[in-house]
Protein backbone atom coordinates (compact mmCIF):
# COMPACT_ATOMS: atom_id res chain seq x y z
CA UNK A 1 23.28 13.19 4.20
CA UNK A 2 22.55 9.89 2.41
CA UNK A 3 22.81 8.03 5.72
CA UNK A 4 20.06 10.26 7.12
CA UNK A 5 17.81 9.43 4.17
CA UNK A 6 18.32 5.69 4.68
CA UNK A 7 17.54 5.98 8.39
CA UNK A 8 14.45 8.09 7.68
CA UNK A 9 13.13 5.64 5.06
CA UNK A 10 13.76 2.71 7.42
CA UNK A 11 11.90 4.45 10.23
CA UNK A 12 8.95 5.24 7.96
CA UNK A 13 8.80 1.61 6.77
CA UNK A 14 8.74 0.32 10.35
CA UNK A 15 6.01 2.75 11.35
CA UNK A 16 3.85 1.90 8.33
CA UNK A 17 4.25 -1.83 8.95
CA UNK A 18 3.10 -1.33 12.55
CA UNK A 19 0.08 0.63 11.36
CA UNK A 20 -1.23 -2.19 9.13
CA UNK A 21 -2.59 -4.11 12.13
CA UNK A 22 -4.18 -0.93 13.47
CA UNK A 23 -5.96 -0.40 10.16
CA UNK A 24 -7.47 -3.87 10.28
CA UNK A 25 -8.59 -3.31 13.88
CA UNK A 26 -10.15 -0.01 12.86
CA UNK A 27 -12.02 -1.60 9.96
CA UNK A 28 -13.15 -4.49 12.21
CA UNK A 29 -14.60 -1.92 14.59
CA UNK A 30 -16.20 -0.03 11.70
CA UNK A 31 -17.93 -3.17 10.41
CA UNK A 32 -18.23 -5.11 13.67
CA UNK A 33 -21.52 -6.81 12.79
CA UNK A 34 -20.13 -8.08 9.45
CA UNK A 35 -16.98 -9.38 11.18
CA UNK A 36 -19.02 -11.08 13.93
CA UNK A 37 -20.94 -13.27 11.45
CA UNK A 38 -17.83 -14.51 9.64
CA UNK A 39 -16.91 -18.16 10.24
CA UNK A 40 -13.91 -18.52 12.61
CA UNK A 41 -11.59 -19.60 9.76
CA UNK A 42 -12.43 -16.45 7.79
CA UNK A 43 -12.01 -14.29 10.91
CA UNK A 44 -8.48 -15.69 11.32
CA UNK A 45 -7.65 -14.90 7.68
CA UNK A 46 -9.05 -11.38 7.98
CA UNK A 47 -7.05 -10.83 11.20
CA UNK A 48 -3.91 -11.74 9.21
CA UNK A 49 -4.85 -9.40 6.34
CA UNK A 50 -5.63 -12.31 4.01
CA UNK A 51 -8.64 -13.09 1.83
CA UNK A 52 -10.05 -16.21 0.17
CA UNK A 53 -12.72 -17.35 -2.28
CA UNK A 54 -16.17 -17.35 -0.68
CA UNK A 55 -15.62 -14.28 1.52
CA UNK A 56 -18.05 -11.38 1.44
CA UNK A 57 -17.14 -7.92 0.24
CA UNK A 58 -17.24 -6.78 3.89
CA UNK A 59 -14.62 -9.39 4.84
CA UNK A 60 -12.36 -8.27 1.98
CA UNK A 61 -12.79 -4.64 2.99
CA UNK A 62 -11.84 -5.42 6.59
CA UNK A 63 -8.77 -7.43 5.52
CA UNK A 64 -7.48 -5.23 2.70
CA UNK A 65 -9.27 -1.91 2.99
CA UNK A 66 -10.97 0.19 0.38
CA UNK A 67 -10.02 -0.63 -3.21
CA UNK A 68 -8.54 2.04 -5.45
CA UNK A 69 -11.03 1.24 -8.19
CA UNK A 70 -14.30 -0.68 -8.48
CA UNK A 71 -15.10 -1.93 -11.98
CA UNK A 72 -18.56 -3.30 -12.84
CA UNK A 73 -18.17 -6.42 -14.99
CA UNK A 74 -21.42 -8.28 -15.71
CA UNK A 75 -24.84 -7.74 -14.12
CA UNK A 76 -24.34 -7.58 -10.35
CA UNK A 77 -20.67 -8.51 -10.52
CA UNK A 78 -17.67 -6.32 -9.68
CA UNK A 79 -13.90 -6.33 -9.74
CA UNK A 80 -12.03 -4.46 -7.02
CA UNK A 81 -8.60 -3.20 -8.03
CA UNK A 82 -5.97 -2.51 -5.36
CA UNK A 83 -2.95 -0.30 -5.96
CA UNK A 84 0.44 -0.50 -4.27
CA UNK A 85 3.31 1.94 -4.04
CA UNK A 86 6.88 1.08 -4.86
CA UNK A 87 9.96 3.16 -4.19
CA UNK A 88 13.21 2.41 -5.95
CA UNK A 89 16.52 4.13 -5.48
CA UNK A 90 19.01 5.16 -8.09
CA UNK A 91 22.47 6.62 -7.63
CA UNK A 92 23.09 9.85 -9.43
CA UNK A 93 24.62 13.29 -9.27
CA UNK A 94 22.90 16.01 -7.27
CA UNK A 95 23.34 19.72 -7.94
CA UNK A 96 22.98 21.84 -4.80
CA UNK A 97 23.84 25.25 -3.40
CA UNK A 98 26.42 25.57 -0.65
CA UNK A 99 25.91 28.82 1.30
CA UNK A 100 29.08 30.54 2.47
CA UNK A 101 27.53 33.09 4.83
CA UNK A 102 24.25 33.85 6.51
CA UNK A 103 23.88 36.99 4.34
CA UNK A 104 23.64 35.05 1.13
CA UNK A 105 26.16 34.09 -1.43
CA UNK A 106 27.78 30.78 -1.92
CA UNK A 107 28.52 28.41 -4.71
CA UNK A 108 27.00 25.40 -6.40
CA UNK A 109 28.42 21.93 -6.33
CA UNK A 110 27.61 18.45 -7.57
CA UNK A 111 27.94 15.38 -5.46
CA UNK A 112 26.98 11.73 -5.57
CA UNK A 113 23.55 11.16 -4.15
CA UNK A 114 20.63 8.79 -4.19
CA UNK A 115 17.37 9.58 -5.92
CA UNK A 116 14.21 7.87 -4.68
CA UNK A 117 11.60 7.29 -7.34
CA UNK A 118 8.05 6.37 -6.32
CA UNK A 119 5.38 4.85 -8.49
CA UNK A 120 1.93 3.37 -8.09
CA UNK A 121 0.81 0.16 -9.80
CA UNK A 122 -2.10 -2.29 -9.74
CA UNK A 123 -1.08 -5.06 -7.36
CA UNK A 124 -4.26 -7.12 -6.78
CA UNK A 125 -7.74 -7.68 -8.10
CA UNK A 126 -10.73 -9.34 -6.47
CA UNK A 127 -13.63 -10.60 -8.58
CA UNK A 128 -17.05 -10.72 -6.95
CA UNK A 129 -20.17 -12.56 -8.09
CA UNK A 130 -22.97 -10.91 -6.19
CA UNK A 131 -21.35 -10.05 -2.89
CA UNK A 132 -19.01 -13.06 -2.69
CA UNK A 133 -15.39 -13.49 -3.84
CA UNK A 134 -15.35 -15.73 -6.91
CA UNK A 135 -11.60 -15.33 -7.59
CA UNK A 136 -8.69 -13.09 -6.70
CA UNK A 137 -5.07 -12.69 -7.63
CA UNK A 138 -2.05 -10.66 -6.73
CA UNK A 139 -0.40 -8.96 -9.69
CA UNK A 140 3.38 -8.86 -10.10
CA UNK A 141 5.28 -5.63 -9.63
CA UNK A 142 6.09 -4.21 -13.06
CA UNK A 143 9.68 -4.23 -14.29
CA UNK A 144 11.61 -0.97 -14.02
């Protein structure tokens, strides 16, 4: 049973990694005129899912997507907060029912298993002055 979980999680990770490029392509299509006016160096960064100081909010949106939170700072300035998901595993004991017949009945048992614990955390922030990136930083994953 644990082997099936590992295979399933691996498959999901591969599929999600493959979808990242599709998301950028979708956002490029959505904001085609904004992408078209970017300098070639910024277009290359956006295509790689990267951002840099001096980019417009549209370029950041195309590269990274919609932020989880937009915080107004000073007049006309904003900070975009991005959130990431993290899944950790922990070995433990699982309590489960073992049916003995199709008409019901059975017994309960405990067995070693793996628990997967998901959490969301702030992983990046982008500071805009006007509509242009003034600074940005990736935030470290919090300790367990």
